[in-house]
């Protein structure tokens, strides 16, 4: 599956999870946990759009090694960062917060790869 398709899937899920959070979890979670959930959803959407950009750019620069690296780092970041925030907010298990920075590092590394790919 190409990165643009992954981006579309993650964007769809961000909208669905955002609606779920607003309409189902809104009355069940504390405002602090709702904010945590919302942060996960926002970052998922941002990086879903980044994946779509990676997919489009790979069509223009198929030999790039940095663009696929950026794409996989964005995928890992979504799973680890957003996924851990969703799980933390719903479960209340604070230990899940230890996973979040790993996802954040994946996002940062992905953006570095993305920038370097465009600079070449």
PDB file of N, CA and C in Angstrom:
ATOM      1  N   UNK A   1       0.858  -1.175   0.000  1.00  0.00           N
ATOM      2  CA  UNK A   1       0.000   0.000   0.000  1.00  0.00           C
ATOM      3  C   UNK A   1       0.901   1.234   0.000  1.00  0.00           C
ATOM      4  N   UNK A   2       0.612   2.186  -0.877  1.00  0.00           N
ATOM      5  CA  UNK A   2       1.409   3.394  -0.983  1.00  0.00           C
ATOM      6  C   UNK A   2       1.167   4.350   0.186  1.00  0.00           C
ATOM      7  N   UNK A   3       2.106   5.265   0.362  1.00  0.00           N
ATOM      8  CA  UNK A   3       2.009   6.193   1.488  1.00  0.00           C
ATOM      9  C   UNK A   3       0.792   7.113   1.386  1.00  0.00           C
ATOM     10  N   UNK A   4       0.396   7.503   0.184  1.00  0.00           N
ATOM     11  CA  UNK A   4      -0.789   8.346   0.042  1.00  0.00           C
ATOM     12  C   UNK A   4      -2.039   7.591   0.502  1.00  0.00           C
ATOM     13  N   UNK A   5      -2.087   6.301   0.215  1.00  0.00           N
ATOM     14  CA  UNK A   5      -3.230   5.498   0.681  1.00  0.00           C
ATOM     15  C   UNK A   5      -3.189   5.368   2.200  1.00  0.00           C
ATOM     16  N   UNK A   6      -2.008   5.085   2.754  1.00  0.00           N
ATOM     17  CA  UNK A   6      -1.873   5.060   4.211  1.00  0.00           C
ATOM     18  C   UNK A   6      -2.350   6.383   4.803  1.00  0.00           C
ATOM     19  N   UNK A   7      -1.949   7.478   4.179  1.00  0.00           N
ATOM     20  CA  UNK A   7      -2.371   8.791   4.658  1.00  0.00           C
ATOM     21  C   UNK A   7      -3.882   8.947   4.636  1.00  0.00           C
ATOM     22  N   UNK A   8      -4.510   8.490   3.557  1.00  0.00           N
ATOM     23  CA  UNK A   8      -5.965   8.556   3.472  1.00  0.00           C
ATOM     24  C   UNK A   8      -6.637   7.718   4.546  1.00  0.00           C
ATOM     25  N   UNK A   9      -6.106   6.535   4.788  1.00  0.00           N
ATOM     26  CA  UNK A   9      -6.668   5.654   5.824  1.00  0.00           C
ATOM     27  C   UNK A   9      -6.526   6.307   7.200  1.00  0.00           C
ATOM     28  N   UNK A  10      -5.330   6.825   7.489  1.00  0.00           N
ATOM     29  CA  UNK A  10      -5.124   7.462   8.787  1.00  0.00           C
ATOM     30  C   UNK A  10      -5.954   8.741   8.932  1.00  0.00           C
ATOM     31  N   UNK A  11      -6.148   9.489   7.848  1.00  0.00           N
ATOM     32  CA  UNK A  11      -6.992  10.685   7.906  1.00  0.00           C
ATOM     33  C   UNK A  11      -8.446  10.300   8.187  1.00  0.00           C
ATOM     34  N   UNK A  12      -8.927   9.264   7.485  1.00  0.00           N
ATOM     35  CA  UNK A  12     -10.283   8.769   7.729  1.00  0.00           C
ATOM     36  C   UNK A  12     -10.442   8.375   9.206  1.00  0.00           C
ATOM     37  N   UNK A  13      -9.459   7.628   9.713  1.00  0.00           N
ATOM     38  CA  UNK A  13      -9.525   7.189  11.101  1.00  0.00           C
ATOM     39  C   UNK A  13      -9.456   8.366  12.078  1.00  0.00           C
ATOM     40  N   UNK A  14      -8.683   9.401  11.737  1.00  0.00           N
ATOM     41  CA  UNK A  14      -8.609  10.581  12.598  1.00  0.00           C
ATOM     42  C   UNK A  14      -9.969  11.260  12.692  1.00  0.00           C
ATOM     43  N   UNK A  15     -10.667  11.361  11.572  1.00  0.00           N
ATOM     44  CA  UNK A  15     -12.006  11.958  11.591  1.00  0.00           C
ATOM     45  C   UNK A  15     -12.959  11.082  12.400  1.00  0.00           C
ATOM     46  N   UNK A  16     -12.913   9.769  12.159  1.00  0.00           N
ATOM     47  CA  UNK A  16     -13.799   8.851  12.877  1.00  0.00           C
ATOM     48  C   UNK A  16     -13.493   8.860  14.381  1.00  0.00           C
ATOM     49  N   UNK A  17     -12.217   8.817  14.737  1.00  0.00           N
ATOM     50  CA  UNK A  17     -11.849   8.828  16.152  1.00  0.00           C
ATOM     51  C   UNK A  17     -12.151  10.172  16.803  1.00  0.00           C
ATOM     52  N   UNK A  18     -12.012  11.245  16.048  1.00  0.00           N
ATOM     53  CA  UNK A  18     -12.379  12.563  16.574  1.00  0.00           C
ATOM     54  C   UNK A  18     -13.865  12.639  16.885  1.00  0.00           C
ATOM     55  N   UNK A  19     -14.673  12.122  15.975  1.00  0.00           N
ATOM     56  CA  UNK A  19     -16.121  12.105  16.210  1.00  0.00           C
ATOM     57  C   UNK A  19     -16.463  11.200  17.386  1.00  0.00           C
ATOM     58  N   UNK A  20     -15.814  10.047  17.459  1.00  0.00           N
ATOM     59  CA  UNK A  20     -16.028   9.130  18.580  1.00  0.00           C
ATOM     60  C   UNK A  20     -15.685   9.817  19.904  1.00  0.00           C
ATOM     61  N   UNK A  21     -14.558  10.514  19.907  1.00  0.00           N
ATOM     62  CA  UNK A  21     -14.147  11.215  21.116  1.00  0.00           C
ATOM     63  C   UNK A  21     -15.142  12.291  21.522  1.00  0.00           C
ATOM     64  N   UNK A  22     -15.603  13.054  20.546  1.00  0.00           N
ATOM     65  CA  UNK A  22     -16.530  14.147  20.853  1.00  0.00           C
ATOM     66  C   UNK A  22     -17.904  13.649  21.269  1.00  0.00           C
ATOM     67  N   UNK A  23     -18.410  12.630  20.597  1.00  0.00           N
ATOM     68  CA  UNK A  23     -19.795  12.214  20.812  1.00  0.00           C
ATOM     69  C   UNK A  23     -19.972  11.069  21.806  1.00  0.00           C
ATOM     70  N   UNK A  24     -18.939  10.264  21.980  1.00  0.00           N
ATOM     71  CA  UNK A  24     -19.071   9.114  22.882  1.00  0.00           C
ATOM     72  C   UNK A  24     -18.251   9.324  24.160  1.00  0.00           C
ATOM     73  N   UNK A  25     -17.012   9.780  24.005  1.00  0.00           N
ATOM     74  CA  UNK A  25     -16.136   9.888  25.164  1.00  0.00           C
ATOM     75  C   UNK A  25     -16.253  11.218  25.894  1.00  0.00           C
ATOM     76  N   UNK A  26     -16.837  12.213  25.245  1.00  0.00           N
ATOM     77  CA  UNK A  26     -16.902  13.559  25.819  1.00  0.00           C
ATOM     78  C   UNK A  26     -17.454  13.605  27.230  1.00  0.00           C
ATOM     79  N   UNK A  27     -18.454  12.817  27.524  1.00  0.00           N
ATOM     80  CA  UNK A  27     -19.061  12.806  28.858  1.00  0.00           C
ATOM     81  C   UNK A  27     -18.419  11.791  29.793  1.00  0.00           C
ATOM     82  N   UNK A  28     -17.561  10.934  29.254  1.00  0.00           N
ATOM     83  CA  UNK A  28     -16.991   9.851  30.057  1.00  0.00           C
ATOM     84  C   UNK A  28     -15.567  10.143  30.539  1.00  0.00           C
ATOM     85  N   UNK A  29     -14.860  11.015  29.846  1.00  0.00           N
ATOM     86  CA  UNK A  29     -13.474  11.310  30.203  1.00  0.00           C
ATOM     87  C   UNK A  29     -13.374  12.662  30.898  1.00  0.00           C
ATOM     88  N   UNK A  30     -12.369  12.783  31.755  1.00  0.00           N
ATOM     89  CA  UNK A  30     -12.100  14.078  32.375  1.00  0.00           C
ATOM     90  C   UNK A  30     -11.637  15.052  31.287  1.00  0.00           C
ATOM     91  N   UNK A  31     -11.671  16.328  31.586  1.00  0.00           N
ATOM     92  CA  UNK A  31     -11.227  17.305  30.587  1.00  0.00           C
ATOM     93  C   UNK A  31      -9.748  17.118  30.271  1.00  0.00           C
ATOM     94  N   UNK A  32      -8.960  16.703  31.277  1.00  0.00           N
ATOM     95  CA  UNK A  32      -7.536  16.445  31.032  1.00  0.00           C
ATOM     96  C   UNK A  32      -7.353  15.277  30.066  1.00  0.00           C
ATOM     97  N   UNK A  33      -8.053  14.189  30.280  1.00  0.00           N
ATOM     98  CA  UNK A  33      -7.930  13.020  29.400  1.00  0.00           C
ATOM     99  C   UNK A  33      -8.537  13.300  28.022  1.00  0.00           C
ATOM    100  N   UNK A  34      -9.570  14.127  27.978  1.00  0.00           N
ATOM    101  CA  UNK A  34     -10.140  14.509  26.681  1.00  0.00           C
ATOM    102  C   UNK A  34      -9.125  15.318  25.876  1.00  0.00           C
ATOM    103  N   UNK A  35      -8.364  16.155  26.567  1.00  0.00           N
ATOM    104  CA  UNK A  35      -7.317  16.940  25.914  1.00  0.00           C
ATOM    105  C   UNK A  35      -6.205  16.034  25.378  1.00  0.00           C
ATOM    106  N   UNK A  36      -5.852  15.017  26.149  1.00  0.00           N
ATOM    107  CA  UNK A  36      -4.844  14.040  25.715  1.00  0.00           C
ATOM    108  C   UNK A  36      -5.335  13.329  24.454  1.00  0.00           C
ATOM    109  N   UNK A  37      -6.583  12.891  24.482  1.00  0.00           N
ATOM    110  CA  UNK A  37      -7.185  12.211  23.324  1.00  0.00           C
ATOM    111  C   UNK A  37      -7.159  13.123  22.098  1.00  0.00           C
ATOM    112  N   UNK A  38      -7.543  14.380  22.313  1.00  0.00           N
ATOM    113  CA  UNK A  38      -7.597  15.354  21.213  1.00  0.00           C
ATOM    114  C   UNK A  38      -6.203  15.588  20.609  1.00  0.00           C
ATOM    115  N   UNK A  39      -5.185  15.631  21.458  1.00  0.00           N
ATOM    116  CA  UNK A  39      -3.812  15.802  20.961  1.00  0.00           C
ATOM    117  C   UNK A  39      -3.416  14.641  20.058  1.00  0.00           C
ATOM    118  N   UNK A  40      -3.735  13.430  20.472  1.00  0.00           N
ATOM    119  CA  UNK A  40      -3.452  12.265  19.634  1.00  0.00           C
ATOM    120  C   UNK A  40      -4.146  12.360  18.288  1.00  0.00           C
ATOM    121  N   UNK A  41      -5.395  12.802  18.300  1.00  0.00           N
ATOM    122  CA  UNK A  41      -6.168  12.916  17.078  1.00  0.00           C
ATOM    123  C   UNK A  41      -5.596  13.996  16.146  1.00  0.00           C
ATOM    124  N   UNK A  42      -5.230  15.141  16.724  1.00  0.00           N
ATOM    125  CA  UNK A  42      -4.641  16.217  15.919  1.00  0.00           C
ATOM    126  C   UNK A  42      -3.353  15.765  15.237  1.00  0.00           C
ATOM    127  N   UNK A  43      -2.459  15.169  16.008  1.00  0.00           N
ATOM    128  CA  UNK A  43      -1.188  14.739  15.439  1.00  0.00           C
ATOM    129  C   UNK A  43      -1.381  13.638  14.409  1.00  0.00           C
ATOM    130  N   UNK A  44      -2.377  12.799  14.610  1.00  0.00           N
ATOM    131  CA  UNK A  44      -2.662  11.775  13.607  1.00  0.00           C
ATOM    132  C   UNK A  44      -3.064  12.428  12.290  1.00  0.00           C
ATOM    133  N   UNK A  45      -3.935  13.436  12.347  1.00  0.00           N
ATOM    134  CA  UNK A  45      -4.373  14.090  11.113  1.00  0.00           C
ATOM    135  C   UNK A  45      -3.213  14.821  10.445  1.00  0.00           C
ATOM    136  N   UNK A  46      -2.420  15.546  11.217  1.00  0.00           N
ATOM    137  CA  UNK A  46      -1.280  16.258  10.623  1.00  0.00           C
ATOM    138  C   UNK A  46      -0.376  15.295   9.859  1.00  0.00           C
ATOM    139  N   UNK A  47      -0.097  14.163  10.476  1.00  0.00           N
ATOM    140  CA  UNK A  47       0.844  13.236   9.863  1.00  0.00           C
ATOM    141  C   UNK A  47       0.200  12.370   8.787  1.00  0.00           C
ATOM    142  N   UNK A  48      -1.112  12.219   8.828  1.00  0.00           N
ATOM    143  CA  UNK A  48      -1.822  11.591   7.707  1.00  0.00           C
ATOM    144  C   UNK A  48      -1.656  12.459   6.466  1.00  0.00           C
ATOM    145  N   UNK A  49      -1.783  13.766   6.640  1.00  0.00           N
ATOM    146  CA  UNK A  49      -1.592  14.680   5.505  1.00  0.00           C
ATOM    147  C   UNK A  49      -0.134  14.656   5.031  1.00  0.00           C
ATOM    148  N   UNK A  50       0.795  14.534   5.970  1.00  0.00           N
ATOM    149  CA  UNK A  50       2.208  14.420   5.596  1.00  0.00           C
ATOM    150  C   UNK A  50       2.443  13.149   4.784  1.00  0.00           C
ATOM    151  N   UNK A  51       1.781  12.056   5.158  1.00  0.00           N
ATOM    152  CA  UNK A  51       1.909  10.808   4.390  1.00  0.00           C
ATOM    153  C   UNK A  51       1.375  10.969   2.972  1.00  0.00           C
ATOM    154  N   UNK A  52       0.298  11.699   2.814  1.00  0.00           N
ATOM    155  CA  UNK A  52      -0.233  11.950   1.466  1.00  0.00           C
ATOM    156  C   UNK A  52       0.794  12.735   0.659  1.00  0.00           C
ATOM    157  N   UNK A  53       1.421  13.725   1.289  1.00  0.00           N
ATOM    158  CA  UNK A  53       2.467  14.503   0.607  1.00  0.00           C
ATOM    159  C   UNK A  53       3.647  13.605   0.223  1.00  0.00           C
ATOM    160  N   UNK A  54       4.046  12.722   1.115  1.00  0.00           N
ATOM    161  CA  UNK A  54       5.143  11.794   0.815  1.00  0.00           C
ATOM    162  C   UNK A  54       4.775  10.927  -0.385  1.00  0.00           C
ATOM    163  N   UNK A  55       3.556  10.415  -0.407  1.00  0.00           N
ATOM    164  CA  UNK A  55       3.116   9.576  -1.526  1.00  0.00           C
ATOM    165  C   UNK A  55       3.147  10.315  -2.851  1.00  0.00           C
ATOM    166  N   UNK A  56       2.700  11.557  -2.836  1.00  0.00           N
ATOM    167  CA  UNK A  56       2.705  12.361  -4.065  1.00  0.00           C
ATOM    168  C   UNK A  56       4.142  12.661  -4.495  1.00  0.00           C
ATOM    169  N   UNK A  57       4.973  13.053  -3.550  1.00  0.00           N
ATOM    170  CA  UNK A  57       6.367  13.373  -3.879  1.00  0.00           C
ATOM    171  C   UNK A  57       7.141  12.163  -4.377  1.00  0.00           C
ATOM    172  N   UNK A  58       6.805  10.984  -3.874  1.00  0.00           N
ATOM    173  CA  UNK A  58       7.473   9.774  -4.364  1.00  0.00           C
ATOM    174  C   UNK A  58       7.160   9.499  -5.826  1.00  0.00           C
ATOM    175  N   UNK A  59       5.996   9.935  -6.291  1.00  0.00           N
ATOM    176  CA  UNK A  59       5.672   9.802  -7.724  1.00  0.00           C
ATOM    177  C   UNK A  59       6.609  10.672  -8.562  1.00  0.00           C
ATOM    178  N   UNK A  60       6.982  11.816  -7.999  1.00  0.00           N
ATOM    179  CA  UNK A  60       7.871  12.743  -8.717  1.00  0.00           C
ATOM    180  C   UNK A  60       9.345  12.365  -8.556  1.00  0.00           C
ATOM    181  N   UNK A  61       9.676  11.736  -7.431  1.00  0.00           N
ATOM    182  CA  UNK A  61      11.068  11.383  -7.122  1.00  0.00           C
ATOM    183  C   UNK A  61      11.133   9.928  -6.641  1.00  0.00           C
ATOM    184  N   UNK A  62      10.877   8.977  -7.540  1.00  0.00           N
ATOM    185  CA  UNK A  62      10.796   7.569  -7.120  1.00  0.00           C
ATOM    186  C   UNK A  62      12.112   6.986  -6.610  1.00  0.00           C
ATOM    187  N   UNK A  63      13.238   7.588  -6.938  1.00  0.00           N
ATOM    188  CA  UNK A  63      14.526   7.048  -6.498  1.00  0.00           C
ATOM    189  C   UNK A  63      14.916   7.522  -5.093  1.00  0.00           C
ATOM    190  N   UNK A  64      14.148   8.423  -4.532  1.00  0.00           N
ATOM    191  CA  UNK A  64      14.476   8.959  -3.211  1.00  0.00           C
ATOM    192  C   UNK A  64      14.464   7.857  -2.155  1.00  0.00           C
ATOM    193  N   UNK A  65      15.488   7.867  -1.328  1.00  0.00           N
ATOM    194  CA  UNK A  65      15.522   6.943  -0.189  1.00  0.00           C
ATOM    195  C   UNK A  65      15.000   7.619   1.069  1.00  0.00           C
ATOM    196  N   UNK A  66      15.089   8.943   1.093  1.00  0.00           N
ATOM    197  CA  UNK A  66      14.669   9.672   2.287  1.00  0.00           C
ATOM    198  C   UNK A  66      13.151   9.793   2.393  1.00  0.00           C
ATOM    199  N   UNK A  67      12.463   9.897   1.273  1.00  0.00           N
ATOM    200  CA  UNK A  67      11.002  10.002   1.326  1.00  0.00           C
ATOM    201  C   UNK A  67      10.349   8.748   1.905  1.00  0.00           C
ATOM    202  N   UNK A  68      10.748   7.539   1.462  1.00  0.00           N
ATOM    203  CA  UNK A  68      10.166   6.351   2.121  1.00  0.00           C
ATOM    204  C   UNK A  68      10.515   6.279   3.609  1.00  0.00           C
ATOM    205  N   UNK A  69      11.729   6.688   3.955  1.00  0.00           N
ATOM    206  CA  UNK A  69      12.105   6.702   5.375  1.00  0.00           C
ATOM    207  C   UNK A  69      11.180   7.634   6.149  1.00  0.00           C
ATOM    208  N   UNK A  70      10.929   8.819   5.578  1.00  0.00           N
ATOM    209  CA  UNK A  70      10.007   9.756   6.221  1.00  0.00           C
ATOM    210  C   UNK A  70       8.622   9.145   6.368  1.00  0.00           C
ATOM    211  N   UNK A  71       8.151   8.486   5.313  1.00  0.00           N
ATOM    212  CA  UNK A  71       6.828   7.867   5.351  1.00  0.00           C
ATOM    213  C   UNK A  71       6.709   6.821   6.441  1.00  0.00           C
ATOM    214  N   UNK A  72       7.686   5.932   6.527  1.00  0.00           N
ATOM    215  CA  UNK A  72       7.615   4.883   7.549  1.00  0.00           C
ATOM    216  C   UNK A  72       7.750   5.458   8.955  1.00  0.00           C
ATOM    217  N   UNK A  73       8.552   6.507   9.101  1.00  0.00           N
ATOM    218  CA  UNK A  73       8.664   7.156  10.405  1.00  0.00           C
ATOM    219  C   UNK A  73       7.351   7.837  10.791  1.00  0.00           C
ATOM    220  N   UNK A  74       6.653   8.425   9.823  1.00  0.00           N
ATOM    221  CA  UNK A  74       5.341   9.021  10.114  1.00  0.00           C
ATOM    222  C   UNK A  74       4.333   7.945  10.511  1.00  0.00           C
ATOM    223  N   UNK A  75       4.359   6.806   9.821  1.00  0.00           N
ATOM    224  CA  UNK A  75       3.455   5.703  10.182  1.00  0.00           C
ATOM    225  C   UNK A  75       3.750   5.243  11.616  1.00  0.00           C
ATOM    226  N   UNK A  76       5.030   5.027  11.912  1.00  0.00           N
ATOM    227  CA  UNK A  76       5.407   4.587  13.260  1.00  0.00           C
ATOM    228  C   UNK A  76       5.010   5.633  14.298  1.00  0.00           C
ATOM    229  N   UNK A  77       5.201   6.899  13.961  1.00  0.00           N
ATOM    230  CA  UNK A  77       4.835   7.966  14.885  1.00  0.00           C
ATOM    231  C   UNK A  77       3.343   7.996  15.170  1.00  0.00           C
ATOM    232  N   UNK A  78       2.539   7.812  14.149  1.00  0.00           N
ATOM    233  CA  UNK A  78       1.090   7.784  14.352  1.00  0.00           C
ATOM    234  C   UNK A  78       0.709   6.638  15.282  1.00  0.00           C
ATOM    235  N   UNK A  79       1.241   5.468  15.003  1.00  0.00           N
ATOM    236  CA  UNK A  79       0.900   4.294  15.816  1.00  0.00           C
ATOM    237  C   UNK A  79       1.365   4.488  17.261  1.00  0.00           C
ATOM    238  N   UNK A  80       2.613   4.924  17.444  1.00  0.00           N
ATOM    239  CA  UNK A  80       3.179   5.034  18.787  1.00  0.00           C
ATOM    240  C   UNK A  80       2.698   6.280  19.534  1.00  0.00           C
ATOM    241  N   UNK A  81       2.737   7.433  18.885  1.00  0.00           N
ATOM    242  CA  UNK A  81       2.366   8.676  19.560  1.00  0.00           C
ATOM    243  C   UNK A  81       0.856   8.750  19.746  1.00  0.00           C
ATOM    244  N   UNK A  82       0.134   8.769  18.642  1.00  0.00           N
ATOM    245  CA  UNK A  82      -1.318   8.901  18.742  1.00  0.00           C
ATOM    246  C   UNK A  82      -1.935   7.687  19.417  1.00  0.00           C
ATOM    247  N   UNK A  83      -1.472   6.502  19.045  1.00  0.00           N
ATOM    248  CA  UNK A  83      -2.014   5.283  19.642  1.00  0.00           C
ATOM    249  C   UNK A  83      -1.840   5.252  21.150  1.00  0.00           C
ATOM    250  N   UNK A  84      -0.670   5.666  21.633  1.00  0.00           N
ATOM    251  CA  UNK A  84      -0.452   5.662  23.083  1.00  0.00           C
ATOM    252  C   UNK A  84      -1.314   6.706  23.776  1.00  0.00           C
ATOM    253  N   UNK A  85      -1.533   7.846  23.130  1.00  0.00           N
ATOM    254  CA  UNK A  85      -2.396   8.865  23.738  1.00  0.00           C
ATOM    255  C   UNK A  85      -3.850   8.424  23.770  1.00  0.00           C
ATOM    256  N   UNK A  86      -4.312   7.765  22.714  1.00  0.00           N
ATOM    257  CA  UNK A  86      -5.678   7.226  22.735  1.00  0.00           C
ATOM    258  C   UNK A  86      -5.821   6.222  23.874  1.00  0.00           C
ATOM    259  N   UNK A  87      -4.859   5.291  23.956  1.00  0.00           N
ATOM    260  CA  UNK A  87      -4.925   4.241  24.972  1.00  0.00           C
ATOM    261  C   UNK A  87      -4.830   4.829  26.384  1.00  0.00           C
ATOM    262  N   UNK A  88      -3.942   5.790  26.574  1.00  0.00           N
ATOM    263  CA  UNK A  88      -3.783   6.442  27.872  1.00  0.00           C
ATOM    264  C   UNK A  88      -5.072   7.134  28.289  1.00  0.00           C
ATOM    265  N   UNK A  89      -5.657   7.891  27.376  1.00  0.00           N
ATOM    266  CA  UNK A  89      -6.848   8.668  27.731  1.00  0.00           C
ATOM    267  C   UNK A  89      -8.038   7.779  28.064  1.00  0.00           C
ATOM    268  N   UNK A  90      -8.182   6.673  27.368  1.00  0.00           N
ATOM    269  CA  UNK A  90      -9.323   5.783  27.592  1.00  0.00           C
ATOM    270  C   UNK A  90      -9.102   4.879  28.808  1.00  0.00           C
ATOM    271  N   UNK A  91      -7.860   4.407  28.983  1.00  0.00           N
ATOM    272  CA  UNK A  91      -7.590   3.449  30.064  1.00  0.00           C
ATOM    273  C   UNK A  91      -7.172   4.118  31.363  1.00  0.00           C
ATOM    274  N   UNK A  92      -6.537   5.279  31.272  1.00  0.00           N
ATOM    275  CA  UNK A  92      -6.002   5.928  32.465  1.00  0.00           C
ATOM    276  C   UNK A  92      -4.688   5.330  32.942  1.00  0.00           C
ATOM    277  N   UNK A  93      -4.136   4.364  32.207  1.00  0.00           N
ATOM    278  CA  UNK A  93      -2.873   3.724  32.583  1.00  0.00           C
ATOM    279  C   UNK A  93      -1.729   4.676  32.221  1.00  0.00           C
ATOM    280  N   UNK A  94      -1.181   5.329  33.221  1.00  0.00           N
ATOM    281  CA  UNK A  94      -0.156   6.363  33.010  1.00  0.00           C
ATOM    282  C   UNK A  94       1.117   5.806  32.360  1.00  0.00           C
ATOM    283  N   UNK A  95       1.413   4.535  32.556  1.00  0.00           N
ATOM    284  CA  UNK A  95       2.618   3.930  31.987  1.00  0.00           C
ATOM    285  C   UNK A  95       2.610   4.003  30.464  1.00  0.00           C
ATOM    286  N   UNK A  96       1.430   4.067  29.871  1.00  0.00           N
ATOM    287  CA  UNK A  96       1.354   4.176  28.404  1.00  0.00           C
ATOM    288  C   UNK A  96       1.955   5.480  27.905  1.00  0.00           C
ATOM    289  N   UNK A  97       1.999   6.475  28.776  1.00  0.00           N
ATOM    290  CA  UNK A  97       2.616   7.747  28.413  1.00  0.00           C
ATOM    291  C   UNK A  97       4.102   7.628  28.116  1.00  0.00           C
ATOM    292  N   UNK A  98       4.731   6.553  28.572  1.00  0.00           N
ATOM    293  CA  UNK A  98       6.158   6.344  28.294  1.00  0.00           C
ATOM    294  C   UNK A  98       6.411   6.036  26.824  1.00  0.00           C
ATOM    295  N   UNK A  99       5.397   5.563  26.120  1.00  0.00           N
ATOM    296  CA  UNK A  99       5.529   5.238  24.693  1.00  0.00           C
ATOM    297  C   UNK A  99       5.450   6.498  23.831  1.00  0.00           C
ATOM    298  N   UNK A 100       4.718   7.475  24.305  1.00  0.00           N
ATOM    299  CA  UNK A 100       4.438   8.683  23.519  1.00  0.00           C
ATOM    300  C   UNK A 100       5.704   9.374  23.006  1.00  0.00           C
ATOM    301  N   UNK A 101       6.727   9.591  23.838  1.00  0.00           N
ATOM    302  CA  UNK A 101       7.929  10.275  23.324  1.00  0.00           C
ATOM    303  C   UNK A 101       8.634   9.512  22.202  1.00  0.00           C
ATOM    304  N   UNK A 102       8.537   8.189  22.206  1.00  0.00           N
ATOM    305  CA  UNK A 102       9.149   7.412  21.118  1.00  0.00           C
ATOM    306  C   UNK A 102       8.452   7.761  19.807  1.00  0.00           C
ATOM    307  N   UNK A 103       7.128   7.849  19.850  1.00  0.00           N
ATOM    308  CA  UNK A 103       6.379   8.270  18.668  1.00  0.00           C
ATOM    309  C   UNK A 103       6.735   9.687  18.251  1.00  0.00           C
ATOM    310  N   UNK A 104       6.912  10.555  19.229  1.00  0.00           N
ATOM    311  CA  UNK A 104       7.313  11.935  18.936  1.00  0.00           C
ATOM    312  C   UNK A 104       8.668  11.995  18.251  1.00  0.00           C
ATOM    313  N   UNK A 105       9.593  11.161  18.703  1.00  0.00           N
ATOM    314  CA  UNK A 105      10.909  11.096  18.045  1.00  0.00           C
ATOM    315  C   UNK A 105      10.785  10.583  16.612  1.00  0.00           C
ATOM    316  N   UNK A 106       9.868   9.629  16.394  1.00  0.00           N
ATOM    317  CA  UNK A 106       9.623   9.152  15.024  1.00  0.00           C
ATOM    318  C   UNK A 106       9.117  10.300  14.148  1.00  0.00           C
ATOM    319  N   UNK A 107       8.197  11.092  14.675  1.00  0.00           N
ATOM    320  CA  UNK A 107       7.706  12.248  13.913  1.00  0.00           C
ATOM    321  C   UNK A 107       8.855  13.200  13.570  1.00  0.00           C
ATOM    322  N   UNK A 108       9.670  13.528  14.563  1.00  0.00           N
ATOM    323  CA  UNK A 108      10.783  14.454  14.333  1.00  0.00           C
ATOM    324  C   UNK A 108      11.763  13.912  13.297  1.00  0.00           C
ATOM    325  N   UNK A 109      12.113  12.637  13.430  1.00  0.00           N
ATOM    326  CA  UNK A 109      13.029  12.020  12.464  1.00  0.00           C
ATOM    327  C   UNK A 109      12.395  11.993  11.071  1.00  0.00           C
ATOM    328  N   UNK A 110      11.101  11.746  11.013  1.00  0.00           N
ATOM    329  CA  UNK A 110      10.395  11.769   9.732  1.00  0.00           C
ATOM    330  C   UNK A 110      10.467  13.130   9.070  1.00  0.00           C
ATOM    331  N   UNK A 111      10.280  14.176   9.870  1.00  0.00           N
ATOM    332  CA  UNK A 111      10.354  15.528   9.296  1.00  0.00           C
ATOM    333  C   UNK A 111      11.770  15.865   8.838  1.00  0.00           C
ATOM    334  N   UNK A 112      12.768  15.391   9.560  1.00  0.00           N
ATOM    335  CA  UNK A 112      14.152  15.619   9.108  1.00  0.00           C
ATOM    336  C   UNK A 112      14.379  14.926   7.773  1.00  0.00           C
ATOM    337  N   UNK A 113      13.941  13.686   7.645  1.00  0.00           N
ATOM    338  CA  UNK A 113      14.076  12.971   6.368  1.00  0.00           C
ATOM    339  C   UNK A 113      13.318  13.688   5.258  1.00  0.00           C
ATOM    340  N   UNK A 114      12.131  14.154   5.557  1.00  0.00           N
ATOM    341  CA  UNK A 114      11.303  14.868   4.586  1.00  0.00           C
ATOM    342  C   UNK A 114      12.021  16.133   4.106  1.00  0.00           C
ATOM    343  N   UNK A 115      12.531  16.917   5.057  1.00  0.00           N
ATOM    344  CA  UNK A 115      13.247  18.159   4.708  1.00  0.00           C
ATOM    345  C   UNK A 115      14.493  17.875   3.873  1.00  0.00           C
ATOM    346  N   UNK A 116      15.273  16.880   4.292  1.00  0.00           N
ATOM    347  CA  UNK A 116      16.479  16.541   3.548  1.00  0.00           C
ATOM    348  C   UNK A 116      16.155  16.036   2.138  1.00  0.00           C
ATOM    349  N   UNK A 117      15.067  15.294   2.011  1.00  0.00           N
ATOM    350  CA  UNK A 117      14.666  14.812   0.691  1.00  0.00           C
ATOM    351  C   UNK A 117      14.316  15.984  -0.225  1.00  0.00           C
ATOM    352  N   UNK A 118      13.640  16.974   0.322  1.00  0.00           N
ATOM    353  CA  UNK A 118      13.271  18.137  -0.493  1.00  0.00           C
ATOM    354  C   UNK A 118      14.461  19.029  -0.795  1.00  0.00           C
ATOM    355  N   UNK A 119      15.448  19.033   0.079  1.00  0.00           N
ATOM    356  CA  UNK A 119      16.624  19.881  -0.115  1.00  0.00           C
ATOM    357  C   UNK A 119      17.558  19.337  -1.192  1.00  0.00           C
ATOM    358  N   UNK A 120      17.407  18.047  -1.540  1.00  0.00           N
ATOM    359  CA  UNK A 120      18.300  17.435  -2.536  1.00  0.00           C
ATOM    360  C   UNK A 120      17.857  17.727  -3.941  1.00  0.00           C
TER     361      UNK A 120
END
